[in-house]
PDB file of N, CA and C in Angstrom:
ATOM      1  N   UNK A   1     136.708 -38.689 221.615  1.00  0.00           N
ATOM      2  CA  UNK A   1     135.815 -38.351 220.520  1.00  0.00           C
ATOM      3  C   UNK A   1     135.506 -36.865 220.551  1.00  0.00           C
ATOM      4  N   UNK A   2     135.339 -36.301 219.403  1.00  0.00           N
ATOM      5  CA  UNK A   2     134.963 -34.895 219.266  1.00  0.00           C
ATOM      6  C   UNK A   2     133.696 -34.850 218.448  1.00  0.00           C
ATOM      7  N   UNK A   3     132.649 -34.288 219.004  1.00  0.00           N
ATOM      8  CA  UNK A   3     131.397 -34.214 218.261  1.00  0.00           C
ATOM      9  C   UNK A   3     131.136 -32.797 217.805  1.00  0.00           C
ATOM     10  N   UNK A   4     130.460 -32.725 216.695  1.00  0.00           N
ATOM     11  CA  UNK A   4     130.030 -31.447 216.155  1.00  0.00           C
ATOM     12  C   UNK A   4     128.518 -31.431 216.287  1.00  0.00           C
ATOM     13  N   UNK A   5     128.004 -30.427 216.978  1.00  0.00           N
ATOM     14  CA  UNK A   5     126.558 -30.371 217.193  1.00  0.00           C
ATOM     15  C   UNK A   5     125.944 -29.236 216.390  1.00  0.00           C
ATOM     16  N   UNK A   6     124.658 -29.362 216.174  1.00  0.00           N
ATOM     17  CA  UNK A   6     123.935 -28.375 215.385  1.00  0.00           C
ATOM     18  C   UNK A   6     122.557 -28.175 216.005  1.00  0.00           C
ATOM     19  N   UNK A   7     122.076 -26.942 215.967  1.00  0.00           N
ATOM     20  CA  UNK A   7     120.734 -26.637 216.458  1.00  0.00           C
ATOM     21  C   UNK A   7     119.721 -27.032 215.401  1.00  0.00           C
ATOM     22  N   UNK A   8     118.676 -27.687 215.800  1.00  0.00           N
ATOM     23  CA  UNK A   8     117.610 -28.071 214.885  1.00  0.00           C
ATOM     24  C   UNK A   8     116.375 -27.236 215.177  1.00  0.00           C
ATOM     25  N   UNK A   9     115.940 -26.455 214.201  1.00  0.00           N
ATOM     26  CA  UNK A   9     114.712 -25.682 214.360  1.00  0.00           C
ATOM     27  C   UNK A   9     113.498 -26.604 214.408  1.00  0.00           C
ATOM     28  N   UNK A  10     113.607 -27.760 213.772  1.00  0.00           N
ATOM     29  CA  UNK A  10     112.486 -28.699 213.744  1.00  0.00           C
ATOM     30  C   UNK A  10     112.219 -29.310 215.124  1.00  0.00           C
ATOM     31  N   UNK A  11     113.287 -29.707 215.826  1.00  0.00           N
ATOM     32  CA  UNK A  11     113.112 -30.347 217.130  1.00  0.00           C
ATOM     33  C   UNK A  11     113.258 -29.374 218.287  1.00  0.00           C
ATOM     34  N   UNK A  12     113.864 -28.200 218.025  1.00  0.00           N
ATOM     35  CA  UNK A  12     114.065 -27.222 219.084  1.00  0.00           C
ATOM     36  C   UNK A  12     115.163 -27.608 220.053  1.00  0.00           C
ATOM     37  N   UNK A  13     116.127 -28.399 219.589  1.00  0.00           N
ATOM     38  CA  UNK A  13     117.258 -28.766 220.451  1.00  0.00           C
ATOM     39  C   UNK A  13     118.488 -29.066 219.600  1.00  0.00           C
ATOM     40  N   UNK A  14     119.619 -29.199 220.295  1.00  0.00           N
ATOM     41  CA  UNK A  14     120.867 -29.538 219.618  1.00  0.00           C
ATOM     42  C   UNK A  14     120.924 -31.033 219.364  1.00  0.00           C
ATOM     43  N   UNK A  15     121.594 -31.419 218.301  1.00  0.00           N
ATOM     44  CA  UNK A  15     121.841 -32.829 218.048  1.00  0.00           C
ATOM     45  C   UNK A  15     123.225 -32.980 217.419  1.00  0.00           C
ATOM     46  N   UNK A  16     123.823 -34.138 217.634  1.00  0.00           N
ATOM     47  CA  UNK A  16     125.146 -34.421 217.089  1.00  0.00           C
ATOM     48  C   UNK A  16     125.008 -34.783 215.620  1.00  0.00           C
ATOM     49  N   UNK A  17     125.793 -34.087 214.792  1.00  0.00           N
ATOM     50  CA  UNK A  17     125.713 -34.388 213.369  1.00  0.00           C
ATOM     51  C   UNK A  17     126.924 -35.181 212.884  1.00  0.00           C
ATOM     52  N   UNK A  18     128.073 -35.011 213.533  1.00  0.00           N
ATOM     53  CA  UNK A  18     129.268 -35.746 213.129  1.00  0.00           C
ATOM     54  C   UNK A  18     130.145 -35.971 214.354  1.00  0.00           C
ATOM     55  N   UNK A  19     130.817 -37.075 214.359  1.00  0.00           N
ATOM     56  CA  UNK A  19     131.767 -37.380 215.417  1.00  0.00           C
ATOM     57  C   UNK A  19     133.124 -37.598 214.772  1.00  0.00           C
ATOM     58  N   UNK A  20     134.123 -36.889 215.263  1.00  0.00           N
ATOM     59  CA  UNK A  20     135.485 -37.025 214.753  1.00  0.00           C
ATOM     60  C   UNK A  20     136.354 -37.629 215.844  1.00  0.00           C
ATOM     61  N   UNK A  21     137.079 -38.647 215.495  1.00  0.00           N
ATOM     62  CA  UNK A  21     137.963 -39.294 216.462  1.00  0.00           C
ATOM     63  C   UNK A  21     139.201 -38.434 216.678  1.00  0.00           C
ATOM     64  N   UNK A  22     139.620 -38.266 217.929  1.00  0.00           N
ATOM     65  CA  UNK A  22     140.829 -37.482 218.193  1.00  0.00           C
ATOM     66  C   UNK A  22     142.034 -38.148 217.554  1.00  0.00           C
ATOM     67  N   UNK A  23     142.968 -37.309 217.146  1.00  0.00           N
ATOM     68  CA  UNK A  23     144.187 -37.825 216.543  1.00  0.00           C
ATOM     69  C   UNK A  23     144.070 -38.073 215.052  1.00  0.00           C
ATOM     70  N   UNK A  24     142.872 -37.890 214.484  1.00  0.00           N
ATOM     71  CA  UNK A  24     142.735 -38.045 213.037  1.00  0.00           C
ATOM     72  C   UNK A  24     143.070 -36.723 212.371  1.00  0.00           C
ATOM     73  N   UNK A  25     143.435 -36.790 211.116  1.00  0.00           N
ATOM     74  CA  UNK A  25     143.760 -35.573 210.379  1.00  0.00           C
ATOM     75  C   UNK A  25     142.531 -34.667 210.307  1.00  0.00           C
ATOM     76  N   UNK A  26     141.352 -35.252 210.139  1.00  0.00           N
ATOM     77  CA  UNK A  26     140.135 -34.446 210.072  1.00  0.00           C
ATOM     78  C   UNK A  26     139.925 -33.653 211.360  1.00  0.00           C
ATOM     79  N   UNK A  27     140.114 -34.294 212.490  1.00  0.00           N
ATOM     80  CA  UNK A  27     139.960 -33.620 213.786  1.00  0.00           C
ATOM     81  C   UNK A  27     141.025 -32.525 213.930  1.00  0.00           C
ATOM     82  N   UNK A  28     142.243 -32.811 213.520  1.00  0.00           N
ATOM     83  CA  UNK A  28     143.319 -31.814 213.596  1.00  0.00           C
ATOM     84  C   UNK A  28     143.005 -30.601 212.719  1.00  0.00           C
ATOM     85  N   UNK A  29     142.449 -30.835 211.531  1.00  0.00           N
ATOM     86  CA  UNK A  29     142.094 -29.728 210.643  1.00  0.00           C
ATOM     87  C   UNK A  29     140.997 -28.885 211.265  1.00  0.00           C
ATOM     88  N   UNK A  30     139.960 -29.522 211.795  1.00  0.00           N
ATOM     89  CA  UNK A  30     138.870 -28.774 212.429  1.00  0.00           C
ATOM     90  C   UNK A  30     139.406 -27.957 213.600  1.00  0.00           C
ATOM     91  N   UNK A  31     140.257 -28.547 214.419  1.00  0.00           N
ATOM     92  CA  UNK A  31     140.849 -27.817 215.545  1.00  0.00           C
ATOM     93  C   UNK A  31     141.644 -26.603 215.049  1.00  0.00           C
ATOM     94  N   UNK A  32     142.435 -26.807 213.996  1.00  0.00           N
ATOM     95  CA  UNK A  32     143.256 -25.718 213.452  1.00  0.00           C
ATOM     96  C   UNK A  32     142.368 -24.606 212.900  1.00  0.00           C
ATOM     97  N   UNK A  33     141.336 -24.977 212.146  1.00  0.00           N
ATOM     98  CA  UNK A  33     140.457 -23.972 211.545  1.00  0.00           C
ATOM     99  C   UNK A  33     139.655 -23.206 212.593  1.00  0.00           C
ATOM    100  N   UNK A  34     139.346 -23.854 213.710  1.00  0.00           N
ATOM    101  CA  UNK A  34     138.641 -23.155 214.799  1.00  0.00           C
ATOM    102  C   UNK A  34     139.481 -22.016 215.357  1.00  0.00           C
ATOM    103  N   UNK A  35     140.779 -22.199 215.395  1.00  0.00           N
ATOM    104  CA  UNK A  35     141.688 -21.193 215.964  1.00  0.00           C
ATOM    105  C   UNK A  35     142.189 -20.188 214.934  1.00  0.00           C
ATOM    106  N   UNK A  36     142.059 -20.504 213.658  1.00  0.00           N
ATOM    107  CA  UNK A  36     142.586 -19.628 212.603  1.00  0.00           C
ATOM    108  C   UNK A  36     141.756 -18.349 212.514  1.00  0.00           C
ATOM    109  N   UNK A  37     142.420 -17.194 212.414  1.00  0.00           N
ATOM    110  CA  UNK A  37     141.684 -15.935 212.331  1.00  0.00           C
ATOM    111  C   UNK A  37     141.035 -15.701 210.963  1.00  0.00           C
ATOM    112  N   UNK A  38     141.453 -16.458 209.960  1.00  0.00           N
ATOM    113  CA  UNK A  38     140.932 -16.299 208.601  1.00  0.00           C
ATOM    114  C   UNK A  38     141.002 -17.664 207.910  1.00  0.00           C
ATOM    115  N   UNK A  39     140.296 -17.809 206.782  1.00  0.00           N
ATOM    116  CA  UNK A  39     140.409 -19.067 206.029  1.00  0.00           C
ATOM    117  C   UNK A  39     141.863 -19.348 205.659  1.00  0.00           C
ATOM    118  N   UNK A  40     142.219 -20.631 205.566  1.00  0.00           N
ATOM    119  CA  UNK A  40     143.608 -21.003 205.303  1.00  0.00           C
ATOM    120  C   UNK A  40     143.711 -21.901 204.077  1.00  0.00           C
ATOM    121  N   UNK A  41     144.879 -21.884 203.477  1.00  0.00           N
ATOM    122  CA  UNK A  41     145.150 -22.711 202.301  1.00  0.00           C
ATOM    123  C   UNK A  41     145.549 -24.116 202.738  1.00  0.00           C
ATOM    124  N   UNK A  42     145.510 -25.023 201.785  1.00  0.00           N
ATOM    125  CA  UNK A  42     145.956 -26.387 202.084  1.00  0.00           C
ATOM    126  C   UNK A  42     147.452 -26.401 202.402  1.00  0.00           C
ATOM    127  N   UNK A  43     148.220 -25.486 201.817  1.00  0.00           N
ATOM    128  CA  UNK A  43     149.663 -25.396 202.103  1.00  0.00           C
ATOM    129  C   UNK A  43     149.885 -25.058 203.574  1.00  0.00           C
ATOM    130  N   UNK A  44     149.111 -24.141 204.114  1.00  0.00           N
ATOM    131  CA  UNK A  44     149.242 -23.781 205.534  1.00  0.00           C
ATOM    132  C   UNK A  44     148.902 -24.990 206.396  1.00  0.00           C
ATOM    133  N   UNK A  45     147.844 -25.710 206.037  1.00  0.00           N
ATOM    134  CA  UNK A  45     147.481 -26.918 206.788  1.00  0.00           C
ATOM    135  C   UNK A  45     148.589 -27.967 206.703  1.00  0.00           C
ATOM    136  N   UNK A  46     149.163 -28.146 205.523  1.00  0.00           N
ATOM    137  CA  UNK A  46     150.255 -29.113 205.353  1.00  0.00           C
ATOM    138  C   UNK A  46     151.421 -28.771 206.276  1.00  0.00           C
ATOM    139  N   UNK A  47     151.810 -27.500 206.260  1.00  0.00           N
ATOM    140  CA  UNK A  47     152.948 -27.068 207.073  1.00  0.00           C
ATOM    141  C   UNK A  47     152.643 -27.158 208.569  1.00  0.00           C
ATOM    142  N   UNK A  48     151.457 -26.725 208.960  1.00  0.00           N
ATOM    143  CA  UNK A  48     151.094 -26.706 210.380  1.00  0.00           C
ATOM    144  C   UNK A  48     150.935 -28.102 210.954  1.00  0.00           C
ATOM    145  N   UNK A  49     150.374 -29.027 210.162  1.00  0.00           N
ATOM    146  CA  UNK A  49     150.094 -30.371 210.667  1.00  0.00           C
ATOM    147  C   UNK A  49     151.159 -31.389 210.290  1.00  0.00           C
ATOM    148  N   UNK A  50     152.098 -30.991 209.432  1.00  0.00           N
ATOM    149  CA  UNK A  50     153.172 -31.903 209.035  1.00  0.00           C
ATOM    150  C   UNK A  50     152.684 -33.092 208.227  1.00  0.00           C
ATOM    151  N   UNK A  51     151.684 -32.860 207.390  1.00  0.00           N
ATOM    152  CA  UNK A  51     151.105 -33.936 206.578  1.00  0.00           C
ATOM    153  C   UNK A  51     151.332 -33.656 205.104  1.00  0.00           C
ATOM    154  N   UNK A  52     151.236 -34.691 204.285  1.00  0.00           N
ATOM    155  CA  UNK A  52     151.438 -34.545 202.846  1.00  0.00           C
ATOM    156  C   UNK A  52     150.246 -33.859 202.191  1.00  0.00           C
ATOM    157  N   UNK A  53     150.462 -33.387 200.967  1.00  0.00           N
ATOM    158  CA  UNK A  53     149.391 -32.750 200.207  1.00  0.00           C
ATOM    159  C   UNK A  53     148.225 -33.717 199.999  1.00  0.00           C
ATOM    160  N   UNK A  54     148.529 -34.963 199.668  1.00  0.00           N
ATOM    161  CA  UNK A  54     147.482 -35.964 199.426  1.00  0.00           C
ATOM    162  C   UNK A  54     146.658 -36.222 200.695  1.00  0.00           C
ATOM    163  N   UNK A  55     147.316 -36.326 201.837  1.00  0.00           N
ATOM    164  CA  UNK A  55     146.618 -36.571 203.102  1.00  0.00           C
ATOM    165  C   UNK A  55     145.697 -35.413 203.447  1.00  0.00           C
ATOM    166  N   UNK A  56     146.182 -34.181 203.295  1.00  0.00           N
ATOM    167  CA  UNK A  56     145.368 -33.004 203.582  1.00  0.00           C
ATOM    168  C   UNK A  56     144.196 -32.922 202.606  1.00  0.00           C
ATOM    169  N   UNK A  57     144.449 -33.173 201.341  1.00  0.00           N
ATOM    170  CA  UNK A  57     143.387 -33.105 200.328  1.00  0.00           C
ATOM    171  C   UNK A  57     142.285 -34.120 200.609  1.00  0.00           C
ATOM    172  N   UNK A  58     142.669 -35.344 200.932  1.00  0.00           N
ATOM    173  CA  UNK A  58     141.666 -36.377 201.236  1.00  0.00           C
ATOM    174  C   UNK A  58     140.843 -35.989 202.465  1.00  0.00           C
ATOM    175  N   UNK A  59     141.524 -35.510 203.494  1.00  0.00           N
ATOM    176  CA  UNK A  59     140.821 -35.127 204.728  1.00  0.00           C
ATOM    177  C   UNK A  59     139.886 -33.943 204.470  1.00  0.00           C
ATOM    178  N   UNK A  60     140.342 -32.948 203.711  1.00  0.00           N
ATOM    179  CA  UNK A  60     139.482 -31.806 203.396  1.00  0.00           C
ATOM    180  C   UNK A  60     138.265 -32.252 202.594  1.00  0.00           C
ATOM    181  N   UNK A  61     138.459 -33.156 201.653  1.00  0.00           N
ATOM    182  CA  UNK A  61     137.323 -33.657 200.867  1.00  0.00           C
ATOM    183  C   UNK A  61     136.319 -34.380 201.753  1.00  0.00           C
ATOM    184  N   UNK A  62     136.804 -35.183 202.711  1.00  0.00           N
ATOM    185  CA  UNK A  62     135.889 -35.867 203.628  1.00  0.00           C
ATOM    186  C   UNK A  62     135.128 -34.857 204.482  1.00  0.00           C
ATOM    187  N   UNK A  63     135.824 -33.820 204.959  1.00  0.00           N
ATOM    188  CA  UNK A  63     135.167 -32.792 205.770  1.00  0.00           C
ATOM    189  C   UNK A  63     134.160 -31.987 204.950  1.00  0.00           C
ATOM    190  N   UNK A  64     134.470 -31.729 203.684  1.00  0.00           N
ATOM    191  CA  UNK A  64     133.514 -31.027 202.825  1.00  0.00           C
ATOM    192  C   UNK A  64     132.313 -31.918 202.521  1.00  0.00           C
ATOM    193  N   UNK A  65     132.534 -33.214 202.356  1.00  0.00           N
ATOM    194  CA  UNK A  65     131.424 -34.149 202.139  1.00  0.00           C
ATOM    195  C   UNK A  65     130.470 -34.161 203.331  1.00  0.00           C
ATOM    196  N   UNK A  66     131.016 -33.947 204.526  1.00  0.00           N
ATOM    197  CA  UNK A  66     130.197 -33.904 205.754  1.00  0.00           C
ATOM    198  C   UNK A  66     129.662 -32.504 206.034  1.00  0.00           C
ATOM    199  N   UNK A  67     129.954 -31.568 205.133  1.00  0.00           N
ATOM    200  CA  UNK A  67     129.521 -30.166 205.280  1.00  0.00           C
ATOM    201  C   UNK A  67     130.063 -29.504 206.543  1.00  0.00           C
ATOM    202  N   UNK A  68     131.266 -29.889 206.946  1.00  0.00           N
ATOM    203  CA  UNK A  68     131.904 -29.270 208.108  1.00  0.00           C
ATOM    204  C   UNK A  68     132.879 -28.170 207.688  1.00  0.00           C
ATOM    205  N   UNK A  69     133.420 -28.293 206.479  1.00  0.00           N
ATOM    206  CA  UNK A  69     134.395 -27.343 205.946  1.00  0.00           C
ATOM    207  C   UNK A  69     133.928 -26.924 204.558  1.00  0.00           C
ATOM    208  N   UNK A  70     134.190 -25.656 204.215  1.00  0.00           N
ATOM    209  CA  UNK A  70     133.875 -25.204 202.865  1.00  0.00           C
ATOM    210  C   UNK A  70     135.104 -24.586 202.216  1.00  0.00           C
ATOM    211  N   UNK A  71     135.148 -24.717 200.897  1.00  0.00           N
ATOM    212  CA  UNK A  71     136.244 -24.160 200.118  1.00  0.00           C
ATOM    213  C   UNK A  71     135.785 -22.813 199.571  1.00  0.00           C
ATOM    214  N   UNK A  72     136.667 -21.836 199.659  1.00  0.00           N
ATOM    215  CA  UNK A  72     136.415 -20.510 199.103  1.00  0.00           C
ATOM    216  C   UNK A  72     137.422 -20.282 197.988  1.00  0.00           C
ATOM    217  N   UNK A  73     137.023 -19.571 196.973  1.00  0.00           N
ATOM    218  CA  UNK A  73     137.925 -19.312 195.860  1.00  0.00           C
ATOM    219  C   UNK A  73     137.774 -20.374 194.795  1.00  0.00           C
ATOM    220  N   UNK A  74     138.795 -20.543 193.956  1.00  0.00           N
ATOM    221  CA  UNK A  74     138.697 -21.496 192.851  1.00  0.00           C
ATOM    222  C   UNK A  74     138.465 -22.921 193.350  1.00  0.00           C
ATOM    223  N   UNK A  75     137.744 -23.693 192.570  1.00  0.00           N
ATOM    224  CA  UNK A  75     137.465 -25.066 192.989  1.00  0.00           C
ATOM    225  C   UNK A  75     138.694 -25.955 192.847  1.00  0.00           C
ATOM    226  N   UNK A  76     139.636 -25.557 192.030  1.00  0.00           N
ATOM    227  CA  UNK A  76     140.878 -26.307 191.872  1.00  0.00           C
ATOM    228  C   UNK A  76     142.034 -25.327 191.691  1.00  0.00           C
ATOM    229  N   UNK A  77     143.201 -25.800 192.009  1.00  0.00           N
ATOM    230  CA  UNK A  77     144.383 -24.986 191.775  1.00  0.00           C
ATOM    231  C   UNK A  77     144.667 -23.994 192.888  1.00  0.00           C
ATOM    232  N   UNK A  78     145.659 -23.135 192.644  1.00  0.00           N
ATOM    233  CA  UNK A  78     146.070 -22.188 193.679  1.00  0.00           C
ATOM    234  C   UNK A  78     144.989 -21.150 193.964  1.00  0.00           C
ATOM    235  N   UNK A  79     145.019 -20.646 195.168  1.00  0.00           N
ATOM    236  CA  UNK A  79     144.089 -19.603 195.557  1.00  0.00           C
ATOM    237  C   UNK A  79     142.918 -20.080 196.390  1.00  0.00           C
ATOM    238  N   UNK A  80     142.713 -21.385 196.460  1.00  0.00           N
ATOM    239  CA  UNK A  80     141.611 -21.908 197.267  1.00  0.00           C
ATOM    240  C   UNK A  80     141.996 -21.851 198.744  1.00  0.00           C
ATOM    241  N   UNK A  81     141.037 -21.468 199.581  1.00  0.00           N
ATOM    242  CA  UNK A  81     141.224 -21.470 201.029  1.00  0.00           C
ATOM    243  C   UNK A  81     140.024 -22.165 201.655  1.00  0.00           C
ATOM    244  N   UNK A  82     140.189 -22.582 202.897  1.00  0.00           N
ATOM    245  CA  UNK A  82     139.170 -23.381 203.575  1.00  0.00           C
ATOM    246  C   UNK A  82     138.823 -22.759 204.913  1.00  0.00           C
ATOM    247  N   UNK A  83     137.560 -22.933 205.296  1.00  0.00           N
ATOM    248  CA  UNK A  83     137.096 -22.473 206.606  1.00  0.00           C
ATOM    249  C   UNK A  83     136.005 -23.412 207.092  1.00  0.00           C
ATOM    250  N   UNK A  84     135.738 -23.354 208.393  1.00  0.00           N
ATOM    251  CA  UNK A  84     134.649 -24.153 208.956  1.00  0.00           C
ATOM    252  C   UNK A  84     133.319 -23.578 208.486  1.00  0.00           C
ATOM    253  N   UNK A  85     132.369 -24.443 208.271  1.00  0.00           N
ATOM    254  CA  UNK A  85     131.023 -24.016 207.918  1.00  0.00           C
ATOM    255  C   UNK A  85     130.402 -23.443 209.185  1.00  0.00           C
ATOM    256  N   UNK A  86     129.801 -22.298 209.071  1.00  0.00           N
ATOM    257  CA  UNK A  86     129.203 -21.635 210.248  1.00  0.00           C
ATOM    258  C   UNK A  86     127.808 -22.111 210.469  1.00  0.00           C
TER     259      UNK A  86
END
């Protein structure tokens, strides 16, 4: 399991906000984005992870729903890139 933790100003401590199972596309994307020097396109993720466009898109949408990843640039179409939420 891979957990994502966040500092809470309300409680004054860290707490787990999301758990990603190893070997899932979501976990692979988060791992890739952690190492990427700049935001990356879905095409780069597809090529790096060997997954289809639909698989990457679904995983990115799930990660954005959990507020772990954000999209920069146009909301649809070419030019959009993704990065981890800081």
